[in-house]
């Protein structure tokens, strides 16, 4: 007796969603995927909280595994992912479509995104970022969590 669906089922790897707070996180993976619930294509960053820099009552504790998901169909996702890629690569941008490498070469954000999510999604595994998460009300009264990303300074 077999179970054919198990062969193509994705491995679990996700964590909890980010609550309000300012965190130092380590990226475990950054992947592209397609929703099994018909929500379309998405990008997901899997990370571990290394330190809670500024916490609140509901902040995620150090050591917790988190997931940050952005569906391509969401209105702010392109800007959100652009900010994440800039922080992840540590490269400056030209206030446009390009990142600028230290040698002056330009790379489109879309190219950087493809490189970051290539293969098993671990191209930037181990990178440390600062994530500042805040709850925001939508126009319809719902809640979502906005996350601002910056490169982490080396710990002292």
Protein backbone atom coordinates (compact mmCIF):
# COMPACT_ATOMS: atom_id res chain seq x y z
CA UNK A 1 0.00 0.00 0.00
CA UNK A 2 1.57 3.29 -1.11
CA UNK A 3 0.83 6.93 -0.96
CA UNK A 4 1.80 8.59 -4.25
CA UNK A 5 1.13 12.18 -3.07
CA UNK A 6 3.90 11.95 -0.50
CA UNK A 7 6.54 11.85 -3.25
CA UNK A 8 5.73 15.40 -4.39
CA UNK A 9 4.68 16.92 -1.08
CA UNK A 10 6.88 19.83 0.05
CA UNK A 11 8.94 19.43 3.20
CA UNK A 12 7.79 21.64 6.07
CA UNK A 13 10.22 24.38 6.91
CA UNK A 14 8.12 27.35 7.84
CA UNK A 15 7.94 29.08 11.13
CA UNK A 16 5.68 31.55 12.81
CA UNK A 17 4.97 34.99 11.44
CA UNK A 18 6.80 38.00 12.80
CA UNK A 19 5.17 39.98 15.60
CA UNK A 20 5.89 43.62 16.44
CA UNK A 21 9.48 44.24 17.47
CA UNK A 22 13.00 44.94 16.26
CA UNK A 23 15.04 41.79 15.72
CA UNK A 24 18.45 40.63 14.64
CA UNK A 25 17.74 37.57 12.44
CA UNK A 26 19.79 34.97 10.59
CA UNK A 27 18.49 34.03 7.16
CA UNK A 28 18.16 30.25 6.76
CA UNK A 29 16.66 30.30 3.24
CA UNK A 30 14.98 32.62 0.74
CA UNK A 31 12.85 30.77 -1.78
CA UNK A 32 10.32 31.27 -4.54
CA UNK A 33 7.26 29.06 -4.69
CA UNK A 34 3.70 28.64 -5.85
CA UNK A 35 0.77 28.41 -3.46
CA UNK A 36 -1.03 25.10 -3.25
CA UNK A 37 -4.17 27.04 -2.25
CA UNK A 38 -4.30 28.95 -5.56
CA UNK A 39 -2.95 32.24 -4.19
CA UNK A 40 -0.26 32.43 -6.87
CA UNK A 41 3.51 32.81 -6.73
CA UNK A 42 5.29 33.92 -3.59
CA UNK A 43 8.67 34.52 -2.00
CA UNK A 44 9.43 33.36 1.52
CA UNK A 45 12.35 34.14 3.80
CA UNK A 46 12.93 31.59 6.55
CA UNK A 47 14.90 32.97 9.47
CA UNK A 48 15.86 32.48 13.10
CA UNK A 49 15.62 35.25 15.69
CA UNK A 50 19.11 35.78 17.13
CA UNK A 51 18.29 38.74 19.36
CA UNK A 52 15.29 40.86 20.30
CA UNK A 53 16.65 44.40 20.07
CA UNK A 54 13.37 46.09 20.99
CA UNK A 55 10.57 43.87 22.20
CA UNK A 56 6.96 44.11 23.24
CA UNK A 57 4.65 41.75 25.09
CA UNK A 58 3.93 39.69 21.96
CA UNK A 59 7.42 39.86 20.35
CA UNK A 60 8.94 36.64 19.07
CA UNK A 61 11.67 35.30 21.40
CA UNK A 62 15.29 34.66 20.48
CA UNK A 63 15.70 31.22 18.94
CA UNK A 64 12.27 31.17 17.30
CA UNK A 65 12.03 30.25 13.62
CA UNK A 66 10.06 32.79 11.56
CA UNK A 67 8.71 33.05 8.02
CA UNK A 68 8.23 36.25 6.02
CA UNK A 69 5.97 35.62 3.03
CA UNK A 70 5.28 37.95 0.10
CA UNK A 71 2.80 36.95 -2.60
CA UNK A 72 3.48 38.55 -5.99
CA UNK A 73 -0.21 39.46 -6.20
CA UNK A 74 -0.06 41.67 -3.10
CA UNK A 75 0.14 45.36 -3.98
CA UNK A 76 3.15 46.25 -1.78
CA UNK A 77 5.15 43.04 -2.31
CA UNK A 78 7.47 44.34 -5.06
CA UNK A 79 8.60 47.25 -2.86
CA UNK A 80 8.85 45.01 0.20
CA UNK A 81 11.01 42.46 -1.62
CA UNK A 82 13.16 45.22 -3.11
CA UNK A 83 13.94 46.49 0.41
CA UNK A 84 14.71 42.96 1.57
CA UNK A 85 17.06 42.28 -1.38
CA UNK A 86 18.90 45.57 -0.81
CA UNK A 87 19.46 44.70 2.86
CA UNK A 88 20.34 41.08 2.05
CA UNK A 89 22.96 41.92 -0.57
CA UNK A 90 24.30 44.94 1.30
CA UNK A 91 24.59 46.79 -2.02
CA UNK A 92 23.71 50.41 -2.65
CA UNK A 93 21.00 51.24 -5.14
CA UNK A 94 20.62 54.00 -7.70
CA UNK A 95 17.10 54.98 -6.55
CA UNK A 96 15.84 52.95 -9.47
CA UNK A 97 15.97 49.45 -10.86
CA UNK A 98 19.64 48.72 -10.17
CA UNK A 99 21.90 47.69 -7.31
CA UNK A 100 25.47 48.98 -7.52
CA UNK A 101 28.28 46.60 -6.61
CA UNK A 102 31.47 47.89 -4.93
CA UNK A 103 33.25 47.66 -8.30
CA UNK A 104 30.63 49.98 -9.83
CA UNK A 105 28.86 47.29 -11.86
CA UNK A 106 25.09 47.48 -11.92
CA UNK A 107 22.71 44.59 -11.35
CA UNK A 108 18.95 44.75 -11.75
CA UNK A 109 16.94 43.95 -8.63
CA UNK A 110 15.24 41.16 -10.59
CA UNK A 111 18.67 39.58 -11.27
CA UNK A 112 19.58 39.79 -7.59
CA UNK A 113 16.24 38.21 -6.70
CA UNK A 114 16.87 35.34 -9.12
CA UNK A 115 20.34 34.76 -7.64
CA UNK A 116 19.06 34.93 -4.06
CA UNK A 117 16.33 32.33 -4.68
CA UNK A 118 18.29 30.01 -7.00
CA UNK A 119 18.60 26.33 -6.23
CA UNK A 120 17.60 25.38 -2.72
CA UNK A 121 17.32 29.02 -1.65
CA UNK A 122 20.35 28.99 0.61
CA UNK A 123 22.58 31.37 -1.40
CA UNK A 124 22.39 33.89 1.45
CA UNK A 125 21.96 31.41 4.31
CA UNK A 126 23.75 32.73 7.37
CA UNK A 127 23.30 36.40 6.45
CA UNK A 128 22.23 38.52 9.40
CA UNK A 129 19.70 41.32 9.02
CA UNK A 130 17.78 43.71 11.22
CA UNK A 131 14.00 43.34 10.86
CA UNK A 132 11.70 45.97 12.30
CA UNK A 133 8.14 44.63 12.33
CA UNK A 134 5.08 46.76 13.02
CA UNK A 135 1.36 46.10 12.83
CA UNK A 136 -0.49 48.35 10.39
CA UNK A 137 -4.23 48.70 9.78
CA UNK A 138 -5.43 48.31 6.21
CA UNK A 139 -8.01 50.63 4.66
CA UNK A 140 -10.59 47.89 5.19
CA UNK A 141 -9.72 47.61 8.89
CA UNK A 142 -7.66 44.43 8.71
CA UNK A 143 -4.17 44.00 10.12
CA UNK A 144 -0.91 43.23 8.39
CA UNK A 145 2.70 43.32 9.53
CA UNK A 146 5.03 45.71 7.74
CA UNK A 147 8.70 44.77 8.00
CA UNK A 148 11.56 47.17 7.32
CA UNK A 149 14.88 45.48 6.56
CA UNK A 150 18.41 46.78 7.08
CA UNK A 151 21.81 45.16 6.96
CA UNK A 152 23.06 44.12 10.38
CA UNK A 153 26.22 45.63 11.76
CA UNK A 154 28.83 43.15 12.92
CA UNK A 155 28.22 42.29 16.59
CA UNK A 156 30.69 43.89 18.95
